Amino acid sequence: MASGSSLAGKVAIVTGASGGIGKATGIALAKAGVKVALAARRKDKLEEVAKQISENGGVSICVETDVTKRDQIKALVHETITKLGPVDILVNNAGLWYYSLMQNQMEDLWEEQIDVNIKGLTNCAAAVLDGMIKQRSGHIVNMSSDSGKKLSIHIFSLCHISNGYPGLAVYTGTKFYVEGFSQTLRQEVCKFGIRVTCIQPGDVSVEDRDKTHPDPQSKDLDTAYQAGKLLDPTDIANAVLYAVSQPENVAINEVLVQNREFPL
């Protein structure tokens, strides 16, 4: 644990912390001296992350949480405050995606992405707001995607207006929500000393990537995976750490992280 860090002693909640970006972020924050509440549905995986943090001298707790359940989110925040202290940082990382062509009408997959990526993220942010407003400080980090950035970059240009990601129509829509939600929330809460950062990762290596291809017709669309051009979760964790480590008067509103060979 880095006791000399500007983050030392702060308290963070990281959702989706059982693997991938969430796991890497929880470990990185703990190394910087943050006390971390690790939240996800897989308690056994959370305990593995907590063990790694403990072995490195960090402090964490595991809270089994389904972000689609509002009562579980409230319980997560309550347990974090009770065991670690007031929440300084929320890393709204829980999310999922599926490659699925719209023509194949895989409605259950649409609902699952909307429930986690939109409703879950919104409810997590809402659950920490009261405490952050009362303490007049806090940092909400929302995990978006380059798919939520790509069209918005080109929409006002004279070219590349149709630059979407085929097979990710619903996922892309959820990440556009994250972008708009983050921008508006930032305007609402900045007067309370609260910062809102949107992290926009490119394609990241994850466990069980084949599970993101329930629609066999869409597998060929996962071009970054086929080319082996994937970011590591620690690349995104480092971006989160950079954003939350800034002085209180500095706001990092957006961080776009991509593989060098896959620029927008």
C-alpha atoms as a PDB file:
ATOM      1  CA  MET A   1       0.000   0.000   0.000  1.00  0.00           C
ATOM      2  CA  ALA A   2       1.265   3.454  -0.949  1.00  0.00           C
ATOM      3  CA  SER A   3       0.798   5.429   2.274  1.00  0.00           C
ATOM      4  CA  GLY A   4       2.212   8.575   0.680  1.00  0.00           C
ATOM      5  CA  SER A   5      -0.408   8.619  -2.057  1.00  0.00           C
ATOM      6  CA  SER A   6      -2.922  11.463  -2.309  1.00  0.00           C
ATOM      7  CA  LEU A   7      -5.577   8.756  -2.265  1.00  0.00           C
ATOM      8  CA  ALA A   8      -4.429   7.114   0.958  1.00  0.00           C
ATOM      9  CA  GLY A   9      -7.304   6.594   3.377  1.00  0.00           C
ATOM     10  CA  LYS A  10     -10.055   7.307   0.875  1.00  0.00           C
ATOM     11  CA  VAL A  11     -12.929   4.876   0.392  1.00  0.00           C
ATOM     12  CA  ALA A  12     -14.038   3.509  -2.980  1.00  0.00           C
ATOM     13  CA  ILE A  13     -16.753   1.223  -4.258  1.00  0.00           C
ATOM     14  CA  VAL A  14     -15.903  -0.724  -7.412  1.00  0.00           C
ATOM     15  CA  THR A  15     -18.735  -2.603  -9.104  1.00  0.00           C
ATOM     16  CA  GLY A  16     -18.083  -5.514 -11.412  1.00  0.00           C
ATOM     17  CA  ALA A  17     -14.947  -6.126  -9.346  1.00  0.00           C
ATOM     18  CA  SER A  18     -14.773  -9.908  -9.682  1.00  0.00           C
ATOM     19  CA  GLY A  19     -12.756  -9.825 -12.903  1.00  0.00           C
ATOM     20  CA  GLY A  20     -11.458  -7.812 -15.822  1.00  0.00           C
ATOM     21  CA  ILE A  21     -11.397  -4.020 -15.514  1.00  0.00           C
ATOM     22  CA  GLY A  22     -13.124  -4.027 -12.128  1.00  0.00           C
ATOM     23  CA  LYS A  23     -10.639  -6.432 -10.603  1.00  0.00           C
ATOM     24  CA  ALA A  24      -7.672  -4.497 -11.998  1.00  0.00           C
ATOM     25  CA  THR A  25      -9.146  -1.209 -10.772  1.00  0.00           C
ATOM     26  CA  GLY A  26      -9.801  -2.512  -7.277  1.00  0.00           C
ATOM     27  CA  ILE A  27      -6.220  -3.757  -7.011  1.00  0.00           C
ATOM     28  CA  ALA A  28      -4.776  -0.510  -8.381  1.00  0.00           C
ATOM     29  CA  LEU A  29      -6.798   1.646  -5.980  1.00  0.00           C
ATOM     30  CA  ALA A  30      -5.841  -0.517  -3.017  1.00  0.00           C
ATOM     31  CA  LYS A  31      -2.163  -0.225  -3.946  1.00  0.00           C
ATOM     32  CA  ALA A  32      -2.629   3.555  -3.840  1.00  0.00           C
ATOM     33  CA  GLY A  33      -3.925   3.313  -0.267  1.00  0.00           C
ATOM     34  CA  VAL A  34      -7.661   3.365  -0.974  1.00  0.00           C
ATOM     35  CA  LYS A  35      -9.965   1.199   1.137  1.00  0.00           C
ATOM     36  CA  VAL A  36     -12.009  -0.671  -1.454  1.00  0.00           C
ATOM     37  CA  ALA A  37     -15.455  -2.227  -1.375  1.00  0.00           C
ATOM     38  CA  LEU A  38     -15.426  -4.910  -4.056  1.00  0.00           C
ATOM     39  CA  ALA A  39     -18.902  -5.543  -5.455  1.00  0.00           C
ATOM     40  CA  ALA A  40     -20.121  -8.174  -7.918  1.00  0.00           C
ATOM     41  CA  ARG A  41     -22.424 -11.184  -8.110  1.00  0.00           C
ATOM     42  CA  ARG A  42     -19.650 -13.790  -7.806  1.00  0.00           C
ATOM     43  CA  LYS A  43     -18.629 -13.785  -4.148  1.00  0.00           C
ATOM     44  CA  ASP A  44     -15.971 -16.458  -4.635  1.00  0.00           C
ATOM     45  CA  LYS A  45     -14.236 -14.371  -7.297  1.00  0.00           C
ATOM     46  CA  LEU A  46     -14.434 -11.259  -5.118  1.00  0.00           C
ATOM     47  CA  GLU A  47     -12.723 -13.130  -2.294  1.00  0.00           C
ATOM     48  CA  GLU A  48      -9.861 -14.031  -4.636  1.00  0.00           C
ATOM     49  CA  VAL A  49      -9.396 -10.347  -5.461  1.00  0.00           C
ATOM     50  CA  ALA A  50      -9.593  -9.386  -1.785  1.00  0.00           C
ATOM     51  CA  LYS A  51      -6.945 -11.963  -0.933  1.00  0.00           C
ATOM     52  CA  GLN A  52      -4.604 -10.493  -3.531  1.00  0.00           C
ATOM     53  CA  ILE A  53      -5.202  -7.011  -2.129  1.00  0.00           C
ATOM     54  CA  SER A  54      -4.560  -8.200   1.430  1.00  0.00           C
ATOM     55  CA  GLU A  55      -1.320  -9.908   0.423  1.00  0.00           C
ATOM     56  CA  ASN A  56      -0.128  -6.554  -0.926  1.00  0.00           C
ATOM     57  CA  GLY A  57      -1.007  -4.780   2.325  1.00  0.00           C
ATOM     58  CA  GLY A  58      -4.273  -3.254   1.126  1.00  0.00           C
ATOM     59  CA  VAL A  59      -7.714  -3.056   2.711  1.00  0.00           C
ATOM     60  CA  SER A  60     -10.909  -4.282   1.090  1.00  0.00           C
ATOM     61  CA  ILE A  61     -14.272  -5.857   1.769  1.00  0.00           C
ATOM     62  CA  CYS A  62     -16.391  -8.090  -0.466  1.00  0.00           C
ATOM     63  CA  VAL A  63     -20.075  -7.339  -0.942  1.00  0.00           C
ATOM     64  CA  GLU A  64     -22.096  -9.684  -3.126  1.00  0.00           C
ATOM     65  CA  THR A  65     -24.163  -7.317  -5.266  1.00  0.00           C
ATOM     66  CA  ASP A  66     -26.434  -7.533  -8.273  1.00  0.00           C
ATOM     67  CA  VAL A  67     -26.585  -3.991  -9.644  1.00  0.00           C
ATOM     68  CA  THR A  68     -29.973  -4.683 -11.215  1.00  0.00           C
ATOM     69  CA  LYS A  69     -31.405  -4.928  -7.661  1.00  0.00           C
ATOM     70  CA  ARG A  70     -31.818  -1.510  -6.060  1.00  0.00           C
ATOM     71  CA  ASP A  71     -32.070  -2.916  -2.541  1.00  0.00           C
ATOM     72  CA  GLN A  72     -28.721  -4.667  -2.975  1.00  0.00           C
ATOM     73  CA  ILE A  73     -27.112  -1.435  -4.163  1.00  0.00           C
ATOM     74  CA  LYS A  74     -28.386   0.389  -1.084  1.00  0.00           C
ATOM     75  CA  ALA A  75     -27.086  -2.440   1.104  1.00  0.00           C
ATOM     76  CA  LEU A  76     -23.696  -2.182  -0.615  1.00  0.00           C
ATOM     77  CA  VAL A  77     -23.405   1.515   0.169  1.00  0.00           C
ATOM     78  CA  HIS A  78     -24.561   0.994   3.753  1.00  0.00           C
ATOM     79  CA  GLU A  79     -22.060  -1.806   4.379  1.00  0.00           C
ATOM     80  CA  THR A  80     -19.251   0.227   2.825  1.00  0.00           C
ATOM     81  CA  ILE A  81     -19.948   3.225   5.050  1.00  0.00           C
ATOM     82  CA  THR A  82     -20.296   1.031   8.138  1.00  0.00           C
ATOM     83  CA  LYS A  83     -17.085  -0.944   7.601  1.00  0.00           C
ATOM     84  CA  LEU A  84     -14.812   1.465   5.715  1.00  0.00           C
ATOM     85  CA  GLY A  85     -16.221   4.969   6.054  1.00  0.00           C
ATOM     86  CA  PRO A  86     -17.972   7.543   3.841  1.00  0.00           C
ATOM     87  CA  VAL A  87     -17.711   6.856   0.118  1.00  0.00           C
ATOM     88  CA  ASP A  88     -15.242   9.101  -1.702  1.00  0.00           C
ATOM     89  CA  ILE A  89     -15.100   7.284  -5.043  1.00  0.00           C
ATOM     90  CA  LEU A  90     -17.572   5.192  -7.000  1.00  0.00           C
ATOM     91  CA  VAL A  91     -16.237   3.244  -9.976  1.00  0.00           C
ATOM     92  CA  ASN A  92     -19.406   2.365 -11.863  1.00  0.00           C
ATOM     93  CA  ASN A  93     -17.828  -0.475 -13.788  1.00  0.00           C
ATOM     94  CA  ALA A  94     -20.396  -3.301 -13.848  1.00  0.00           C
ATOM     95  CA  GLY A  95     -21.477  -3.874 -17.413  1.00  0.00           C
ATOM     96  CA  LEU A  96     -21.856  -6.456 -20.137  1.00  0.00           C
ATOM     97  CA  TRP A  97     -22.135  -6.737 -23.867  1.00  0.00           C
ATOM     98  CA  TYR A  98     -23.241  -9.229 -26.474  1.00  0.00           C
ATOM     99  CA  TYR A  99     -22.612  -9.305 -30.180  1.00  0.00           C
ATOM    100  CA  SER A 100     -26.086  -9.790 -31.612  1.00  0.00           C
ATOM    101  CA  LEU A 101     -27.494  -8.752 -34.963  1.00  0.00           C
ATOM    102  CA  MET A 102     -30.759  -6.860 -34.521  1.00  0.00           C
ATOM    103  CA  GLN A 103     -32.459  -8.922 -37.225  1.00  0.00           C
ATOM    104  CA  ASN A 104     -32.189 -11.992 -34.999  1.00  0.00           C
ATOM    105  CA  GLN A 105     -34.438 -10.445 -32.313  1.00  0.00           C
ATOM    106  CA  MET A 106     -32.539 -11.688 -29.230  1.00  0.00           C
ATOM    107  CA  GLU A 107     -34.706  -9.666 -26.851  1.00  0.00           C
ATOM    108  CA  ASP A 108     -33.477 -11.232 -23.595  1.00  0.00           C
ATOM    109  CA  LEU A 109     -29.968 -10.020 -24.394  1.00  0.00           C
ATOM    110  CA  TRP A 110     -31.245  -6.510 -25.084  1.00  0.00           C
ATOM    111  CA  GLU A 111     -33.013  -6.416 -21.715  1.00  0.00           C
ATOM    112  CA  GLU A 112     -29.995  -7.709 -19.818  1.00  0.00           C
ATOM    113  CA  GLN A 113     -27.697  -5.056 -21.267  1.00  0.00           C
ATOM    114  CA  ILE A 114     -30.192  -2.280 -20.553  1.00  0.00           C
ATOM    115  CA  ASP A 115     -30.769  -3.497 -16.981  1.00  0.00           C
ATOM    116  CA  VAL A 116     -27.051  -3.598 -16.124  1.00  0.00           C
ATOM    117  CA  ASN A 117     -25.489  -0.890 -18.287  1.00  0.00           C
ATOM    118  CA  ILE A 118     -28.213   1.730 -17.846  1.00  0.00           C
ATOM    119  CA  LYS A 119     -30.383   0.991 -14.828  1.00  0.00           C
ATOM    120  CA  GLY A 120     -27.597  -0.491 -12.712  1.00  0.00           C
ATOM    121  CA  LEU A 121     -25.187   2.348 -13.411  1.00  0.00           C
ATOM    122  CA  THR A 122     -27.858   4.970 -12.717  1.00  0.00           C
ATOM    123  CA  ASN A 123     -28.964   3.401  -9.448  1.00  0.00           C
ATOM    124  CA  CYS A 124     -25.375   3.048  -8.203  1.00  0.00           C
ATOM    125  CA  ALA A 125     -24.663   6.714  -8.872  1.00  0.00           C
ATOM    126  CA  ALA A 126     -27.891   7.743  -7.153  1.00  0.00           C
ATOM    127  CA  ALA A 127     -27.092   5.610  -4.104  1.00  0.00           C
ATOM    128  CA  VAL A 128     -23.861   7.492  -3.296  1.00  0.00           C
ATOM    129  CA  LEU A 129     -25.019  11.004  -4.156  1.00  0.00           C
ATOM    130  CA  ASP A 130     -26.596  11.960  -0.821  1.00  0.00           C
ATOM    131  CA  GLY A 131     -23.424  11.146   1.094  1.00  0.00           C
ATOM    132  CA  MET A 132     -21.174  12.918  -1.393  1.00  0.00           C
ATOM    133  CA  ILE A 133     -23.372  16.015  -1.369  1.00  0.00           C
ATOM    134  CA  LYS A 134     -23.330  16.119   2.437  1.00  0.00           C
ATOM    135  CA  GLN A 135     -19.532  15.852   2.545  1.00  0.00           C
ATOM    136  CA  ARG A 136     -19.279  18.229  -0.438  1.00  0.00           C
ATOM    137  CA  SER A 137     -16.782  16.014  -2.212  1.00  0.00           C
ATOM    138  CA  GLY A 138     -16.671  12.820  -4.199  1.00  0.00           C
ATOM    139  CA  HIS A 139     -15.807  11.285  -7.528  1.00  0.00           C
ATOM    140  CA  ILE A 140     -18.075   9.170  -9.716  1.00  0.00           C
ATOM    141  CA  VAL A 141     -16.295   7.258 -12.475  1.00  0.00           C
ATOM    142  CA  ASN A 142     -18.655   5.837 -15.082  1.00  0.00           C
ATOM    143  CA  MET A 143     -17.358   3.140 -17.400  1.00  0.00           C
ATOM    144  CA  SER A 144     -18.473   3.901 -20.936  1.00  0.00           C
ATOM    145  CA  SER A 145     -16.854   2.602 -24.134  1.00  0.00           C
ATOM    146  CA  ASP A 146     -15.359   3.830 -27.359  1.00  0.00           C
ATOM    147  CA  SER A 147     -18.616   2.562 -28.891  1.00  0.00           C
ATOM    148  CA  GLY A 148     -20.379   5.324 -26.966  1.00  0.00           C
ATOM    149  CA  LYS A 149     -17.852   7.822 -28.264  1.00  0.00           C
ATOM    150  CA  LYS A 150     -17.298   6.765 -31.844  1.00  0.00           C
ATOM    151  CA  LEU A 151     -20.476   8.085 -33.433  1.00  0.00           C
ATOM    152  CA  SER A 152     -20.509  11.204 -31.278  1.00  0.00           C
ATOM    153  CA  ILE A 153     -17.025  12.101 -32.540  1.00  0.00           C
ATOM    154  CA  HIS A 154     -18.017  11.890 -36.178  1.00  0.00           C
ATOM    155  CA  ILE A 155     -21.648  12.921 -36.144  1.00  0.00           C
ATOM    156  CA  PHE A 156     -20.866  16.596 -36.725  1.00  0.00           C
ATOM    157  CA  SER A 157     -18.134  15.966 -39.258  1.00  0.00           C
ATOM    158  CA  LEU A 158     -18.587  15.632 -42.975  1.00  0.00           C
ATOM    159  CA  CYS A 159     -17.445  12.032 -43.094  1.00  0.00           C
ATOM    160  CA  HIS A 160     -17.734   8.700 -41.291  1.00  0.00           C
ATOM    161  CA  ILE A 161     -21.266   9.445 -40.085  1.00  0.00           C
ATOM    162  CA  SER A 162     -22.121   5.744 -40.176  1.00  0.00           C
ATOM    163  CA  ASN A 163     -19.124   4.624 -38.102  1.00  0.00           C
ATOM    164  CA  GLY A 164     -20.867   2.257 -35.692  1.00  0.00           C
ATOM    165  CA  TYR A 165     -20.009  -1.253 -34.531  1.00  0.00           C
ATOM    166  CA  PRO A 166     -22.195  -3.831 -36.326  1.00  0.00           C
ATOM    167  CA  GLY A 167     -23.498  -6.415 -33.883  1.00  0.00           C
ATOM    168  CA  LEU A 168     -23.376  -4.003 -30.939  1.00  0.00           C
ATOM    169  CA  ALA A 169     -26.437  -1.856 -31.602  1.00  0.00           C
ATOM    170  CA  VAL A 170     -28.017  -2.237 -28.169  1.00  0.00           C
ATOM    171  CA  TYR A 171     -24.696  -2.137 -26.324  1.00  0.00           C
ATOM    172  CA  THR A 172     -23.717   1.015 -28.194  1.00  0.00           C
ATOM    173  CA  GLY A 173     -27.051   2.574 -27.278  1.00  0.00           C
ATOM    174  CA  THR A 174     -26.448   1.862 -23.592  1.00  0.00           C
ATOM    175  CA  LYS A 175     -23.047   3.504 -23.751  1.00  0.00           C
ATOM    176  CA  PHE A 176     -24.465   6.593 -25.435  1.00  0.00           C
ATOM    177  CA  TYR A 177     -26.734   6.767 -22.411  1.00  0.00           C
ATOM    178  CA  VAL A 178     -23.689   6.618 -20.123  1.00  0.00           C
ATOM    179  CA  GLU A 179     -22.139   9.521 -22.030  1.00  0.00           C
ATOM    180  CA  GLY A 180     -25.253  11.704 -21.813  1.00  0.00           C
ATOM    181  CA  PHE A 181     -25.946  10.765 -18.206  1.00  0.00           C
ATOM    182  CA  SER A 182     -22.375  11.571 -17.176  1.00  0.00           C
ATOM    183  CA  GLN A 183     -22.338  14.932 -18.924  1.00  0.00           C
ATOM    184  CA  THR A 184     -25.612  16.030 -17.346  1.00  0.00           C
ATOM    185  CA  LEU A 185     -24.837  14.654 -13.880  1.00  0.00           C
ATOM    186  CA  ARG A 186     -21.534  16.534 -13.984  1.00  0.00           C
ATOM    187  CA  GLN A 187     -23.398  19.801 -14.487  1.00  0.00           C
ATOM    188  CA  GLU A 188     -25.733  19.045 -11.584  1.00  0.00           C
ATOM    189  CA  VAL A 189     -23.170  18.082  -8.947  1.00  0.00           C
ATOM    190  CA  CYS A 190     -20.036  20.109  -9.662  1.00  0.00           C
ATOM    191  CA  LYS A 191     -21.290  22.833  -7.281  1.00  0.00           C
ATOM    192  CA  PHE A 192     -21.064  20.278  -4.463  1.00  0.00           C
ATOM    193  CA  GLY A 193     -17.412  19.494  -5.156  1.00  0.00           C
ATOM    194  CA  ILE A 194     -18.287  16.224  -6.906  1.00  0.00           C
ATOM    195  CA  ARG A 195     -16.486  15.196 -10.086  1.00  0.00           C
ATOM    196  CA  VAL A 196     -17.818  12.862 -12.770  1.00  0.00           C
ATOM    197  CA  THR A 197     -15.428  11.098 -15.125  1.00  0.00           C
ATOM    198  CA  CYS A 198     -16.357   8.979 -18.124  1.00  0.00           C
ATOM    199  CA  ILE A 199     -13.822   6.299 -19.056  1.00  0.00           C
ATOM    200  CA  GLN A 200     -14.069   5.104 -22.668  1.00  0.00           C
ATOM    201  CA  PRO A 201     -12.118   1.866 -23.171  1.00  0.00           C
ATOM    202  CA  GLY A 202     -11.432   0.307 -26.502  1.00  0.00           C
ATOM    203  CA  ASP A 203     -11.555  -3.467 -26.849  1.00  0.00           C
ATOM    204  CA  VAL A 204     -10.236  -5.107 -23.672  1.00  0.00           C
ATOM    205  CA  SER A 205      -9.171  -8.683 -23.006  1.00  0.00           C
ATOM    206  CA  VAL A 206     -11.755 -10.406 -20.794  1.00  0.00           C
ATOM    207  CA  GLU A 207     -12.417 -13.891 -19.459  1.00  0.00           C
ATOM    208  CA  ASP A 208     -14.902 -16.101 -21.315  1.00  0.00           C
ATOM    209  CA  ARG A 209     -15.081 -13.853 -24.342  1.00  0.00           C
ATOM    210  CA  ASP A 210     -16.962 -16.548 -26.229  1.00  0.00           C
ATOM    211  CA  LYS A 211     -19.951 -15.846 -23.969  1.00  0.00           C
ATOM    212  CA  THR A 212     -20.309 -12.475 -25.691  1.00  0.00           C
ATOM    213  CA  HIS A 213     -21.169 -14.329 -28.925  1.00  0.00           C
ATOM    214  CA  PRO A 214     -24.490 -16.081 -28.295  1.00  0.00           C
ATOM    215  CA  ASP A 215     -25.462 -15.126 -31.844  1.00  0.00           C
ATOM    216  CA  PRO A 216     -23.222 -17.260 -34.109  1.00  0.00           C
ATOM    217  CA  GLN A 217     -23.888 -14.967 -37.068  1.00  0.00           C
ATOM    218  CA  SER A 218     -22.152 -12.081 -35.297  1.00  0.00           C
ATOM    219  CA  LYS A 219     -18.873 -13.732 -34.279  1.00  0.00           C
ATOM    220  CA  ASP A 220     -17.050 -12.574 -37.404  1.00  0.00           C
ATOM    221  CA  LEU A 221     -17.761  -8.960 -36.397  1.00  0.00           C
ATOM    222  CA  ASP A 222     -15.425  -9.136 -33.381  1.00  0.00           C
ATOM    223  CA  THR A 223     -12.493  -7.915 -35.463  1.00  0.00           C
ATOM    224  CA  ALA A 224     -10.223  -6.710 -32.668  1.00  0.00           C
ATOM    225  CA  TYR A 225     -10.384 -10.110 -30.979  1.00  0.00           C
ATOM    226  CA  GLN A 226      -9.598 -11.888 -34.220  1.00  0.00           C
ATOM    227  CA  ALA A 227      -6.624  -9.616 -34.811  1.00  0.00           C
ATOM    228  CA  GLY A 228      -5.357 -10.061 -31.252  1.00  0.00           C
ATOM    229  CA  LYS A 229      -5.323  -6.286 -30.714  1.00  0.00           C
ATOM    230  CA  LEU A 230      -6.772  -6.079 -27.216  1.00  0.00           C
ATOM    231  CA  LEU A 231      -6.022  -3.791 -24.309  1.00  0.00           C
ATOM    232  CA  ASP A 232      -5.219  -5.234 -20.896  1.00  0.00           C
ATOM    233  CA  PRO A 233      -7.576  -4.456 -17.978  1.00  0.00           C
ATOM    234  CA  THR A 234      -4.683  -2.761 -16.187  1.00  0.00           C
ATOM    235  CA  ASP A 235      -4.559  -0.198 -19.019  1.00  0.00           C
ATOM    236  CA  ILE A 236      -8.045   0.927 -18.052  1.00  0.00           C
ATOM    237  CA  ALA A 237      -7.350   0.705 -14.315  1.00  0.00           C
ATOM    238  CA  ASN A 238      -4.427   3.079 -14.821  1.00  0.00           C
ATOM    239  CA  ALA A 239      -6.762   5.550 -16.535  1.00  0.00           C
ATOM    240  CA  VAL A 240      -9.152   5.401 -13.581  1.00  0.00           C
ATOM    241  CA  LEU A 241      -6.270   5.906 -11.154  1.00  0.00           C
ATOM    242  CA  TYR A 242      -5.063   8.910 -13.153  1.00  0.00           C
ATOM    243  CA  ALA A 243      -8.497  10.535 -13.089  1.00  0.00           C
ATOM    244  CA  VAL A 244      -9.155  10.101  -9.366  1.00  0.00           C
ATOM    245  CA  SER A 245      -5.614  11.146  -8.380  1.00  0.00           C
ATOM    246  CA  GLN A 246      -5.952  14.722  -9.641  1.00  0.00           C
ATOM    247  CA  PRO A 247      -6.063  17.706  -7.265  1.00  0.00           C
ATOM    248  CA  GLU A 248      -9.563  18.652  -6.144  1.00  0.00           C
ATOM    249  CA  ASN A 249      -9.689  21.662  -8.469  1.00  0.00           C
ATOM    250  CA  VAL A 250      -8.930  19.522 -11.532  1.00  0.00           C
ATOM    251  CA  ALA A 251     -11.632  17.495 -13.299  1.00  0.00           C
ATOM    252  CA  ILE A 252     -10.793  14.838 -15.857  1.00  0.00           C
ATOM    253  CA  ASN A 253     -14.143  14.637 -17.610  1.00  0.00           C
ATOM    254  CA  GLU A 254     -13.305  11.972 -20.187  1.00  0.00           C
ATOM    255  CA  VAL A 255     -10.533   9.465 -20.851  1.00  0.00           C
ATOM    256  CA  LEU A 256     -10.526   7.584 -24.156  1.00  0.00           C
ATOM    257  CA  VAL A 257      -8.162   4.579 -24.066  1.00  0.00           C
ATOM    258  CA  GLN A 258      -7.549   2.588 -27.224  1.00  0.00           C
ATOM    259  CA  ASN A 259      -5.075   0.254 -28.788  1.00  0.00           C
ATOM    260  CA  ARG A 260      -2.651   2.327 -30.840  1.00  0.00           C
ATOM    261  CA  GLU A 261      -3.525   0.375 -33.993  1.00  0.00           C
ATOM    262  CA  PHE A 262      -7.287   0.897 -33.600  1.00  0.00           C
ATOM    263  CA  PRO A 263      -7.767   4.686 -33.405  1.00  0.00           C
ATOM    264  CA  LEU A 264     -11.122   6.372 -33.898  1.00  0.00           C
END
